[in-house]
Amino acid sequence: MGGSKKTAKIIIIVLAGLMVLAGIFMVGRLVGSGVRNRGVSEEERFHEGLKMGVESSAADLPRMVDEITRMDSAEVTGKNEVTVMFTIIDFPDNVDMDIFARTMETQLVENMRSHPQYEIYKDTGVTAKYIYRDSDGKVLLTIELTPEKYAN
């Protein structure tokens, strides 16, 4: 398989990670809506729900999300920031990393803009940070999706 075909396959598979993160946020929204302490703001309830959703989703990590991508960890790393770490098993040596990075970020942003399940990102101003590593732990790509990048 040529370099561009391998790059395309990797991109398609890695986008599965975005779907996993969407599930985390949906759990966070549901759990957060159940946190009903008096004197706790809507923002604090959301943040608590986000933490609980991420912790719940991370309980069974690491896990394979597709044939070559392992989700290693997910954690709330800031007030409205979630960091998710992935390992791409057997990442090909001949992938053009510039094309890979541009294409991944473009696809992730477009998915967040166009799919209703990502409205929670927009509604709450969450930054999603994706870190992809190879099997040896070397960071291949870090993508930080801020509200400014994905707002319509």
Protein backbone atom coordinates (compact mmCIF):
# COMPACT_ATOMS: atom_id res chain seq x y z
CA MET A 1 0.00 0.00 0.00
CA GLY A 2 1.42 3.41 -0.96
CA GLY A 3 2.17 6.17 1.53
CA SER A 4 -0.97 8.17 0.73
CA LYS A 5 -3.20 5.10 1.06
CA LYS A 6 -1.59 4.25 4.41
CA THR A 7 -2.07 7.85 5.54
CA ALA A 8 -5.74 7.74 4.53
CA LYS A 9 -6.29 4.43 6.34
CA ILE A 10 -4.62 5.72 9.49
CA ILE A 11 -6.73 8.89 9.39
CA ILE A 12 -9.98 6.97 9.02
CA ILE A 13 -9.11 4.64 11.86
CA VAL A 14 -7.88 7.38 14.17
CA LEU A 15 -11.06 9.38 13.70
CA ALA A 16 -12.73 6.64 15.69
CA GLY A 17 -11.11 8.30 18.68
CA LEU A 18 -13.28 11.34 18.18
CA MET A 19 -16.36 9.19 18.53
CA VAL A 20 -15.04 7.80 21.81
CA LEU A 21 -14.51 11.31 23.14
CA ALA A 22 -18.01 12.33 22.11
CA GLY A 23 -19.32 9.50 24.28
CA ILE A 24 -17.30 10.81 27.22
CA PHE A 25 -18.86 14.23 26.88
CA MET A 26 -22.37 12.84 26.58
CA VAL A 27 -21.86 10.84 29.78
CA GLY A 28 -20.43 13.97 31.39
CA ARG A 29 -23.46 16.03 30.41
CA LEU A 30 -25.87 13.41 31.75
CA VAL A 31 -23.98 12.92 34.99
CA GLY A 32 -23.44 16.66 35.41
CA SER A 33 -27.13 17.31 35.03
CA GLY A 34 -27.67 14.96 37.95
CA VAL A 35 -25.34 16.90 40.27
CA ARG A 36 -27.93 19.09 42.00
CA ASN A 37 -26.20 20.64 45.01
CA ARG A 38 -27.60 23.97 46.16
CA GLY A 39 -25.17 26.79 45.65
CA VAL A 40 -23.37 24.99 42.82
CA SER A 41 -23.35 26.83 39.52
CA GLU A 42 -24.29 25.28 36.18
CA GLU A 43 -20.63 25.52 35.16
CA GLU A 44 -19.49 23.70 38.30
CA ARG A 45 -22.11 20.99 37.74
CA PHE A 46 -20.92 20.56 34.17
CA HIS A 47 -17.27 20.37 35.23
CA GLU A 48 -18.07 17.80 37.91
CA GLY A 49 -20.12 15.80 35.40
CA LEU A 50 -17.29 16.03 32.87
CA LYS A 51 -14.81 14.69 35.43
CA MET A 52 -17.17 11.87 36.38
CA GLY A 53 -17.85 11.02 32.73
CA VAL A 54 -14.16 10.92 31.88
CA GLU A 55 -13.36 8.84 34.96
CA SER A 56 -16.15 6.43 34.09
CA SER A 57 -14.99 6.11 30.48
CA ALA A 58 -11.37 5.73 31.53
CA ALA A 59 -12.10 2.92 33.99
CA ASP A 60 -11.60 0.22 31.37
CA LEU A 61 -8.56 1.75 29.69
CA PRO A 62 -6.44 0.89 27.89
CA ARG A 63 -8.75 -0.55 25.23
CA MET A 64 -8.64 -0.99 21.50
CA VAL A 65 -11.02 1.36 19.68
CA ASP A 66 -10.30 -0.20 16.29
CA GLU A 67 -7.83 -2.58 14.71
CA ILE A 68 -4.74 -0.38 15.19
CA THR A 69 -5.72 2.34 17.69
CA ARG A 70 -5.60 1.88 21.45
CA MET A 71 -7.11 4.49 23.75
CA ASP A 72 -4.68 4.63 26.66
CA SER A 73 -6.01 7.33 28.94
CA ALA A 74 -8.49 10.17 29.24
CA GLU A 75 -8.48 12.84 31.87
CA VAL A 76 -9.75 16.30 32.61
CA THR A 77 -6.58 18.37 32.49
CA GLY A 78 -8.02 21.83 32.95
CA LYS A 79 -11.22 23.64 33.78
CA ASN A 80 -12.72 22.86 30.37
CA GLU A 81 -10.02 20.67 28.86
CA VAL A 82 -9.91 16.97 28.26
CA THR A 83 -6.77 15.16 27.14
CA VAL A 84 -7.02 11.77 25.49
CA MET A 85 -3.96 9.64 24.75
CA PHE A 86 -3.92 7.07 21.95
CA THR A 87 -1.37 4.60 20.67
CA ILE A 88 -1.34 3.69 17.00
CA ILE A 89 -0.06 0.15 16.78
CA ASP A 90 2.43 -0.50 13.95
CA PHE A 91 2.35 3.08 12.64
CA PRO A 92 3.91 2.95 9.15
CA ASP A 93 7.31 4.62 8.73
CA ASN A 94 6.50 6.15 5.36
CA VAL A 95 3.50 8.27 6.37
CA ASP A 96 3.92 11.93 5.42
CA MET A 97 3.49 13.49 8.87
CA ASP A 98 2.71 16.99 7.54
CA ILE A 99 -0.16 15.66 5.45
CA PHE A 100 -1.25 13.38 8.29
CA ALA A 101 -1.34 16.26 10.81
CA ARG A 102 -3.16 18.70 8.52
CA THR A 103 -5.68 16.12 7.43
CA MET A 104 -6.35 14.87 10.96
CA GLU A 105 -6.95 18.35 12.35
CA THR A 106 -9.13 19.33 9.40
CA GLN A 107 -11.23 16.18 9.76
CA LEU A 108 -11.57 16.48 13.52
CA VAL A 109 -12.63 20.13 13.27
CA GLU A 110 -15.09 19.39 10.47
CA ASN A 111 -16.62 16.51 12.45
CA MET A 112 -17.04 18.72 15.48
CA ARG A 113 -18.66 21.45 13.41
CA SER A 114 -21.05 19.27 11.47
CA HIS A 115 -22.31 16.58 13.86
CA PRO A 116 -24.98 17.40 16.47
CA GLN A 117 -23.44 15.12 19.09
CA TYR A 118 -20.58 17.62 19.42
CA GLU A 119 -22.84 20.55 20.34
CA ILE A 120 -21.78 20.01 23.94
CA TYR A 121 -18.25 21.10 22.99
CA LYS A 122 -19.63 24.36 21.61
CA ASP A 123 -22.10 24.89 24.43
CA THR A 124 -19.47 24.56 27.13
CA GLY A 125 -16.30 25.80 25.43
CA VAL A 126 -14.38 22.57 25.94
CA THR A 127 -10.88 22.15 24.52
CA ALA A 128 -10.15 18.59 23.40
CA LYS A 129 -6.51 17.59 23.23
CA TYR A 130 -5.65 14.42 21.33
CA ILE A 131 -2.19 12.90 21.67
CA TYR A 132 -1.27 10.06 19.34
CA ARG A 133 1.84 7.96 20.01
CA ASP A 134 3.49 5.06 18.27
CA SER A 135 4.06 1.64 19.86
CA ASP A 136 7.33 2.85 21.39
CA GLY A 137 5.63 5.77 23.12
CA LYS A 138 7.01 8.42 20.77
CA VAL A 139 4.51 11.24 20.25
CA LEU A 140 3.44 11.25 16.62
CA LEU A 141 0.89 14.01 16.74
CA THR A 142 -0.78 16.35 19.20
CA ILE A 143 -3.97 18.09 18.15
CA GLU A 144 -5.57 20.69 20.38
CA LEU A 145 -9.08 21.63 19.35
CA THR A 146 -10.03 24.87 21.00
CA PRO A 147 -13.50 26.44 20.78
CA GLU A 148 -12.06 29.03 18.37
CA LYS A 149 -11.04 26.27 15.96
CA TYR A 150 -14.36 24.46 15.82
CA ALA A 151 -16.92 27.22 16.33
CA ASN A 152 -19.07 27.74 13.24
